[in-house]
PDB file of N, CA and C in Angstrom:
ATOM      1  N   MET A   1       0.840  -1.177   0.000  1.00  0.00           N
ATOM      2  CA  MET A   1       0.000   0.000   0.000  1.00  0.00           C
ATOM      3  C   MET A   1       0.890   1.247   0.000  1.00  0.00           C
ATOM      4  N   ALA A   2       0.514   2.218  -0.787  1.00  0.00           N
ATOM      5  CA  ALA A   2       1.298   3.447  -0.936  1.00  0.00           C
ATOM      6  C   ALA A   2       1.393   4.216   0.381  1.00  0.00           C
ATOM      7  N   ASN A   3       2.519   4.868   0.565  1.00  0.00           N
ATOM      8  CA  ASN A   3       2.690   5.770   1.699  1.00  0.00           C
ATOM      9  C   ASN A   3       1.800   6.987   1.456  1.00  0.00           C
ATOM     10  N   LYS A   4       0.894   7.254   2.380  1.00  0.00           N
ATOM     11  CA  LYS A   4      -0.089   8.329   2.184  1.00  0.00           C
ATOM     12  C   LYS A   4       0.574   9.694   2.022  1.00  0.00           C
ATOM     13  N   GLU A   5       1.648   9.935   2.740  1.00  0.00           N
ATOM     14  CA  GLU A   5       2.341  11.224   2.634  1.00  0.00           C
ATOM     15  C   GLU A   5       2.993  11.371   1.260  1.00  0.00           C
ATOM     16  N   HIS A   6       3.610  10.301   0.758  1.00  0.00           N
ATOM     17  CA  HIS A   6       4.237  10.336  -0.563  1.00  0.00           C
ATOM     18  C   HIS A   6       3.176  10.584  -1.637  1.00  0.00           C
ATOM     19  N   LEU A   7       2.048   9.911  -1.517  1.00  0.00           N
ATOM     20  CA  LEU A   7       0.968  10.070  -2.483  1.00  0.00           C
ATOM     21  C   LEU A   7       0.405  11.493  -2.448  1.00  0.00           C
ATOM     22  N   LYS A   8       0.276  12.057  -1.276  1.00  0.00           N
ATOM     23  CA  LYS A   8      -0.225  13.428  -1.128  1.00  0.00           C
ATOM     24  C   LYS A   8       0.705  14.418  -1.827  1.00  0.00           C
ATOM     25  N   ILE A   9       2.005  14.225  -1.652  1.00  0.00           N
ATOM     26  CA  ILE A   9       2.985  15.118  -2.295  1.00  0.00           C
ATOM     27  C   ILE A   9       2.896  14.987  -3.807  1.00  0.00           C
ATOM     28  N   LEU A  10       2.825  13.759  -4.310  1.00  0.00           N
ATOM     29  CA  LEU A  10       2.738  13.545  -5.757  1.00  0.00           C
ATOM     30  C   LEU A  10       1.478  14.191  -6.327  1.00  0.00           C
ATOM     31  N   LYS A  11       0.372  14.076  -5.613  1.00  0.00           N
ATOM     32  CA  LYS A  11      -0.882  14.657  -6.088  1.00  0.00           C
ATOM     33  C   LYS A  11      -0.882  16.177  -6.012  1.00  0.00           C
ATOM     34  N   SER A  12       0.114  16.753  -5.329  1.00  0.00           N
ATOM     35  CA  SER A  12       0.260  18.216  -5.284  1.00  0.00           C
ATOM     36  C   SER A  12       0.824  18.761  -6.590  1.00  0.00           C
ATOM     37  N   GLY A  13       1.349  17.878  -7.427  1.00  0.00           N
ATOM     38  CA  GLY A  13       1.887  18.280  -8.719  1.00  0.00           C
ATOM     39  C   GLY A  13       3.345  17.895  -8.889  1.00  0.00           C
ATOM     40  N   VAL A  14       3.754  17.824 -10.138  1.00  0.00           N
ATOM     41  CA  VAL A  14       5.119  17.399 -10.469  1.00  0.00           C
ATOM     42  C   VAL A  14       6.161  18.341  -9.874  1.00  0.00           C
ATOM     43  N   LYS A  15       5.892  19.642  -9.922  1.00  0.00           N
ATOM     44  CA  LYS A  15       6.863  20.601  -9.395  1.00  0.00           C
ATOM     45  C   LYS A  15       7.102  20.358  -7.902  1.00  0.00           C
ATOM     46  N   ALA A  16       6.035  20.206  -7.133  1.00  0.00           N
ATOM     47  CA  ALA A  16       6.149  19.944  -5.690  1.00  0.00           C
ATOM     48  C   ALA A  16       6.828  18.604  -5.440  1.00  0.00           C
ATOM     49  N   TRP A  17       6.466  17.594  -6.251  1.00  0.00           N
ATOM     50  CA  TRP A  17       7.059  16.269  -6.103  1.00  0.00           C
ATOM     51  C   TRP A  17       8.560  16.305  -6.358  1.00  0.00           C
ATOM     52  N   ASN A  18       8.974  16.915  -7.466  1.00  0.00           N
ATOM     53  CA  ASN A  18      10.397  16.959  -7.799  1.00  0.00           C
ATOM     54  C   ASN A  18      11.189  17.768  -6.774  1.00  0.00           C
ATOM     55  N   LEU A  19      10.596  18.816  -6.220  1.00  0.00           N
ATOM     56  CA  LEU A  19      11.252  19.580  -5.160  1.00  0.00           C
ATOM     57  C   LEU A  19      11.435  18.702  -3.935  1.00  0.00           C
ATOM     58  N   TRP A  20      10.387  17.991  -3.551  1.00  0.00           N
ATOM     59  CA  TRP A  20      10.466  17.100  -2.396  1.00  0.00           C
ATOM     60  C   TRP A  20      11.530  16.025  -2.619  1.00  0.00           C
ATOM     61  N   ARG A  21      11.572  15.474  -3.831  1.00  0.00           N
ATOM     62  CA  ARG A  21      12.589  14.454  -4.143  1.00  0.00           C
ATOM     63  C   ARG A  21      13.990  15.023  -4.007  1.00  0.00           C
ATOM     64  N   SER A  22      14.199  16.249  -4.475  1.00  0.00           N
ATOM     65  CA  SER A  22      15.535  16.848  -4.394  1.00  0.00           C
ATOM     66  C   SER A  22      15.920  17.150  -2.940  1.00  0.00           C
ATOM     67  N   GLN A  23      14.933  17.406  -2.103  1.00  0.00           N
ATOM     68  CA  GLN A  23      15.196  17.705  -0.695  1.00  0.00           C
ATOM     69  C   GLN A  23      15.300  16.438   0.163  1.00  0.00           C
ATOM     70  N   ASN A  24      14.888  15.309  -0.375  1.00  0.00           N
ATOM     71  CA  ASN A  24      14.882  14.035   0.358  1.00  0.00           C
ATOM     72  C   ASN A  24      15.483  12.925  -0.496  1.00  0.00           C
ATOM     73  N   PRO A  25      16.750  13.081  -0.882  1.00  0.00           N
ATOM     74  CA  PRO A  25      17.333  12.138  -1.841  1.00  0.00           C
ATOM     75  C   PRO A  25      17.492  10.709  -1.320  1.00  0.00           C
ATOM     76  N   THR A  26      17.453  10.490  -0.021  1.00  0.00           N
ATOM     77  CA  THR A  26      17.631   9.140   0.502  1.00  0.00           C
ATOM     78  C   THR A  26      16.304   8.397   0.703  1.00  0.00           C
ATOM     79  N   VAL A  27      15.181   9.094   0.533  1.00  0.00           N
ATOM     80  CA  VAL A  27      13.871   8.463   0.711  1.00  0.00           C
ATOM     81  C   VAL A  27      13.505   7.685  -0.550  1.00  0.00           C
ATOM     82  N   ILE A  28      13.074   6.461  -0.369  1.00  0.00           N
ATOM     83  CA  ILE A  28      12.577   5.654  -1.479  1.00  0.00           C
ATOM     84  C   ILE A  28      11.058   5.798  -1.472  1.00  0.00           C
ATOM     85  N   PRO A  29      10.518   6.527  -2.444  1.00  0.00           N
ATOM     86  CA  PRO A  29       9.067   6.749  -2.470  1.00  0.00           C
ATOM     87  C   PRO A  29       8.291   5.446  -2.618  1.00  0.00           C
ATOM     88  N   ASP A  30       7.269   5.296  -1.804  1.00  0.00           N
ATOM     89  CA  ASP A  30       6.410   4.115  -1.869  1.00  0.00           C
ATOM     90  C   ASP A  30       5.055   4.522  -2.432  1.00  0.00           C
ATOM     91  N   LEU A  31       4.857   4.209  -3.700  1.00  0.00           N
ATOM     92  CA  LEU A  31       3.603   4.486  -4.389  1.00  0.00           C
ATOM     93  C   LEU A  31       2.956   3.176  -4.832  1.00  0.00           C
ATOM     94  N   SER A  32       3.319   2.100  -4.151  1.00  0.00           N
ATOM     95  CA  SER A  32       2.812   0.780  -4.524  1.00  0.00           C
ATOM     96  C   SER A  32       1.295   0.721  -4.387  1.00  0.00           C
ATOM     97  N   GLY A  33       0.674   0.196  -5.426  1.00  0.00           N
ATOM     98  CA  GLY A  33      -0.765   0.038  -5.445  1.00  0.00           C
ATOM     99  C   GLY A  33      -1.558   1.320  -5.655  1.00  0.00           C
ATOM    100  N   ALA A  34      -0.890   2.427  -5.892  1.00  0.00           N
ATOM    101  CA  ALA A  34      -1.578   3.721  -6.033  1.00  0.00           C
ATOM    102  C   ALA A  34      -2.404   3.777  -7.323  1.00  0.00           C
ATOM    103  N   GLU A  35      -3.527   4.449  -7.239  1.00  0.00           N
ATOM    104  CA  GLU A  35      -4.394   4.719  -8.395  1.00  0.00           C
ATOM    105  C   GLU A  35      -3.921   6.012  -9.046  1.00  0.00           C
ATOM    106  N   LEU A  36      -3.133   5.904 -10.093  1.00  0.00           N
ATOM    107  CA  LEU A  36      -2.582   7.071 -10.781  1.00  0.00           C
ATOM    108  C   LEU A  36      -2.994   7.071 -12.247  1.00  0.00           C
ATOM    109  N   GLY A  37      -4.105   6.454 -12.549  1.00  0.00           N
ATOM    110  CA  GLY A  37      -4.540   6.221 -13.921  1.00  0.00           C
ATOM    111  C   GLY A  37      -4.712   7.448 -14.788  1.00  0.00           C
ATOM    112  N   ILE A  38      -5.060   8.592 -14.215  1.00  0.00           N
ATOM    113  CA  ILE A  38      -5.231   9.801 -15.024  1.00  0.00           C
ATOM    114  C   ILE A  38      -4.276  10.905 -14.582  1.00  0.00           C
ATOM    115  N   ALA A  39      -3.267  10.540 -13.825  1.00  0.00           N
ATOM    116  CA  ALA A  39      -2.320  11.524 -13.298  1.00  0.00           C
ATOM    117  C   ALA A  39      -1.467  12.137 -14.407  1.00  0.00           C
ATOM    118  N   LYS A  40      -1.133  13.399 -14.234  1.00  0.00           N
ATOM    119  CA  LYS A  40      -0.216  14.093 -15.141  1.00  0.00           C
ATOM    120  C   LYS A  40       1.154  14.071 -14.481  1.00  0.00           C
ATOM    121  N   LEU A  41       1.978  13.121 -14.904  1.00  0.00           N
ATOM    122  CA  LEU A  41       3.283  12.899 -14.291  1.00  0.00           C
ATOM    123  C   LEU A  41       4.430  13.244 -15.232  1.00  0.00           C
ATOM    124  N   CYS A  42       4.173  14.064 -16.224  1.00  0.00           N
ATOM    125  CA  CYS A  42       5.204  14.450 -17.186  1.00  0.00           C
ATOM    126  C   CYS A  42       6.366  15.116 -16.457  1.00  0.00           C
ATOM    127  N   GLY A  43       7.555  14.555 -16.630  1.00  0.00           N
ATOM    128  CA  GLY A  43       8.748  15.116 -16.015  1.00  0.00           C
ATOM    129  C   GLY A  43       8.941  14.752 -14.555  1.00  0.00           C
ATOM    130  N   ALA A  44       8.072  13.916 -13.994  1.00  0.00           N
ATOM    131  CA  ALA A  44       8.195  13.538 -12.581  1.00  0.00           C
ATOM    132  C   ALA A  44       9.403  12.639 -12.360  1.00  0.00           C
ATOM    133  N   ASN A  45      10.127  12.887 -11.279  1.00  0.00           N
ATOM    134  CA  ASN A  45      11.252  12.044 -10.912  1.00  0.00           C
ATOM    135  C   ASN A  45      10.721  10.879 -10.082  1.00  0.00           C
ATOM    136  N   LEU A  46      10.515   9.755 -10.741  1.00  0.00           N
ATOM    137  CA  LEU A  46      10.014   8.549 -10.089  1.00  0.00           C
ATOM    138  C   LEU A  46      11.109   7.500  -9.975  1.00  0.00           C
ATOM    139  N   ALA A  47      12.351   7.911 -10.140  1.00  0.00           N
ATOM    140  CA  ALA A  47      13.485   6.994 -10.053  1.00  0.00           C
ATOM    141  C   ALA A  47      13.505   6.316  -8.686  1.00  0.00           C
ATOM    142  N   ASN A  48      13.784   5.027  -8.697  1.00  0.00           N
ATOM    143  CA  ASN A  48      13.900   4.214  -7.487  1.00  0.00           C
ATOM    144  C   ASN A  48      12.601   4.101  -6.697  1.00  0.00           C
ATOM    145  N   SER A  49      11.494   4.545  -7.246  1.00  0.00           N
ATOM    146  CA  SER A  49      10.214   4.483  -6.534  1.00  0.00           C
ATOM    147  C   SER A  49       9.653   3.068  -6.519  1.00  0.00           C
ATOM    148  N   GLN A  50       8.917   2.769  -5.482  1.00  0.00           N
ATOM    149  CA  GLN A  50       8.177   1.514  -5.391  1.00  0.00           C
ATOM    150  C   GLN A  50       6.820   1.749  -6.054  1.00  0.00           C
ATOM    151  N   LEU A  51       6.634   1.205  -7.240  1.00  0.00           N
ATOM    152  CA  LEU A  51       5.408   1.389  -8.012  1.00  0.00           C
ATOM    153  C   LEU A  51       4.710   0.063  -8.310  1.00  0.00           C
ATOM    154  N   GLN A  52       5.136  -1.003  -7.636  1.00  0.00           N
ATOM    155  CA  GLN A  52       4.519  -2.297  -7.915  1.00  0.00           C
ATOM    156  C   GLN A  52       3.020  -2.235  -7.627  1.00  0.00           C
ATOM    157  N   TYR A  53       2.271  -2.850  -8.525  1.00  0.00           N
ATOM    158  CA  TYR A  53       0.803  -2.901  -8.476  1.00  0.00           C
ATOM    159  C   TYR A  53       0.126  -1.541  -8.650  1.00  0.00           C
ATOM    160  N   ALA A  54       0.885  -0.496  -8.974  1.00  0.00           N
ATOM    161  CA  ALA A  54       0.282   0.813  -9.221  1.00  0.00           C
ATOM    162  C   ALA A  54      -0.517   0.758 -10.527  1.00  0.00           C
ATOM    163  N   LYS A  55      -1.537   1.567 -10.602  1.00  0.00           N
ATOM    164  CA  LYS A  55      -2.367   1.634 -11.792  1.00  0.00           C
ATOM    165  C   LYS A  55      -2.073   2.952 -12.508  1.00  0.00           C
ATOM    166  N   LEU A  56      -1.369   2.838 -13.625  1.00  0.00           N
ATOM    167  CA  LEU A  56      -0.933   4.001 -14.387  1.00  0.00           C
ATOM    168  C   LEU A  56      -1.605   4.052 -15.755  1.00  0.00           C
ATOM    169  N   GLY A  57      -2.717   3.363 -15.919  1.00  0.00           N
ATOM    170  CA  GLY A  57      -3.400   3.167 -17.202  1.00  0.00           C
ATOM    171  C   GLY A  57      -3.349   4.300 -18.201  1.00  0.00           C
ATOM    172  N   SER A  58      -3.829   5.491 -17.861  1.00  0.00           N
ATOM    173  CA  SER A  58      -3.844   6.625 -18.787  1.00  0.00           C
ATOM    174  C   SER A  58      -2.968   7.768 -18.290  1.00  0.00           C
ATOM    175  N   ALA A  59      -2.085   7.472 -17.365  1.00  0.00           N
ATOM    176  CA  ALA A  59      -1.207   8.512 -16.812  1.00  0.00           C
ATOM    177  C   ALA A  59      -0.322   9.092 -17.909  1.00  0.00           C
ATOM    178  N   GLN A  60      -0.057  10.369 -17.809  1.00  0.00           N
ATOM    179  CA  GLN A  60       0.850  11.048 -18.737  1.00  0.00           C
ATOM    180  C   GLN A  60       2.256  10.968 -18.139  1.00  0.00           C
ATOM    181  N   LEU A  61       3.113  10.211 -18.785  1.00  0.00           N
ATOM    182  CA  LEU A  61       4.455   9.944 -18.266  1.00  0.00           C
ATOM    183  C   LEU A  61       5.568  10.489 -19.156  1.00  0.00           C
ATOM    184  N   ASP A  62       5.252  11.401 -20.074  1.00  0.00           N
ATOM    185  CA  ASP A  62       6.279  11.962 -20.949  1.00  0.00           C
ATOM    186  C   ASP A  62       7.411  12.547 -20.112  1.00  0.00           C
ATOM    187  N   ASN A  63       8.624  12.174 -20.441  1.00  0.00           N
ATOM    188  CA  ASN A  63       9.840  12.662 -19.785  1.00  0.00           C
ATOM    189  C   ASN A  63       9.911  12.340 -18.294  1.00  0.00           C
ATOM    190  N   ALA A  64       9.069  11.440 -17.806  1.00  0.00           N
ATOM    191  CA  ALA A  64       9.172  11.012 -16.412  1.00  0.00           C
ATOM    192  C   ALA A  64      10.437  10.158 -16.264  1.00  0.00           C
ATOM    193  N   ILE A  65      11.068  10.260 -15.121  1.00  0.00           N
ATOM    194  CA  ILE A  65      12.273   9.490 -14.844  1.00  0.00           C
ATOM    195  C   ILE A  65      11.849   8.252 -14.062  1.00  0.00           C
ATOM    196  N   LEU A  66      12.010   7.096 -14.679  1.00  0.00           N
ATOM    197  CA  LEU A  66      11.579   5.837 -14.081  1.00  0.00           C
ATOM    198  C   LEU A  66      12.745   4.875 -13.854  1.00  0.00           C
ATOM    199  N   SER A  67      13.966   5.370 -13.921  1.00  0.00           N
ATOM    200  CA  SER A  67      15.117   4.484 -13.769  1.00  0.00           C
ATOM    201  C   SER A  67      15.095   3.796 -12.410  1.00  0.00           C
ATOM    202  N   GLU A  68      15.283   2.489 -12.470  1.00  0.00           N
ATOM    203  CA  GLU A  68      15.327   1.620 -11.305  1.00  0.00           C
ATOM    204  C   GLU A  68      14.064   1.650 -10.451  1.00  0.00           C
ATOM    205  N   ALA A  69      12.958   2.119 -11.026  1.00  0.00           N
ATOM    206  CA  ALA A  69      11.671   2.058 -10.322  1.00  0.00           C
ATOM    207  C   ALA A  69      11.177   0.613 -10.355  1.00  0.00           C
ATOM    208  N   ASN A  70      10.530   0.192  -9.290  1.00  0.00           N
ATOM    209  CA  ASN A  70       9.951  -1.150  -9.228  1.00  0.00           C
ATOM    210  C   ASN A  70       8.584  -1.082  -9.881  1.00  0.00           C
ATOM    211  N   LEU A  71       8.489  -1.622 -11.093  1.00  0.00           N
ATOM    212  CA  LEU A  71       7.257  -1.575 -11.873  1.00  0.00           C
ATOM    213  C   LEU A  71       6.601  -2.953 -11.994  1.00  0.00           C
ATOM    214  N   LYS A  72       6.966  -3.887 -11.125  1.00  0.00           N
ATOM    215  CA  LYS A  72       6.389  -5.235 -11.193  1.00  0.00           C
ATOM    216  C   LYS A  72       4.884  -5.166 -11.005  1.00  0.00           C
ATOM    217  N   PHE A  73       4.195  -5.871 -11.865  1.00  0.00           N
ATOM    218  CA  PHE A  73       2.737  -5.986 -11.805  1.00  0.00           C
ATOM    219  C   PHE A  73       2.020  -4.650 -11.922  1.00  0.00           C
ATOM    220  N   THR A  74       2.665  -3.681 -12.561  1.00  0.00           N
ATOM    221  CA  THR A  74       2.095  -2.350 -12.741  1.00  0.00           C
ATOM    222  C   THR A  74       1.413  -2.291 -14.101  1.00  0.00           C
ATOM    223  N   SER A  75       0.233  -1.680 -14.120  1.00  0.00           N
ATOM    224  CA  SER A  75      -0.415  -1.435 -15.414  1.00  0.00           C
ATOM    225  C   SER A  75       0.046  -0.080 -15.907  1.00  0.00           C
ATOM    226  N   VAL A  76       0.601  -0.070 -17.123  1.00  0.00           N
ATOM    227  CA  VAL A  76       1.184   1.161 -17.670  1.00  0.00           C
ATOM    228  C   VAL A  76       0.476   1.563 -18.952  1.00  0.00           C
ATOM    229  N   PRO A  77       0.611   2.853 -19.332  1.00  0.00           N
ATOM    230  CA  PRO A  77       0.003   3.311 -20.580  1.00  0.00           C
ATOM    231  C   PRO A  77       0.469   2.492 -21.771  1.00  0.00           C
ATOM    232  N   SER A  78      -0.389   2.313 -22.724  1.00  0.00           N
ATOM    233  CA  SER A  78      -0.055   1.464 -23.875  1.00  0.00           C
ATOM    234  C   SER A  78       0.331   2.258 -25.110  1.00  0.00           C
ATOM    235  N   GLY A  79       0.844   3.404 -24.949  1.00  0.00           N
ATOM    236  CA  GLY A  79       1.304   4.071 -26.145  1.00  0.00           C
ATOM    237  C   GLY A  79       1.154   5.497 -26.048  1.00  0.00           C
TER     238      GLY A  79
END
């Protein structure tokens, strides 16, 4: 289950999320199982995030950083 505080920050917008990530470089974001199907995550730094079982169906992920993110069993946009 996603960390509620991490999810709240992400839902505040990409700018707030990326600022938080830069200020907390040792935190591994836990967004596992999160409903992010219509989220606008363009340019979001999701590197090293726990995203297993997250629902990203129609999420906008252009230029999002997903390096080393755990995407096991995640539904992702199809194109």
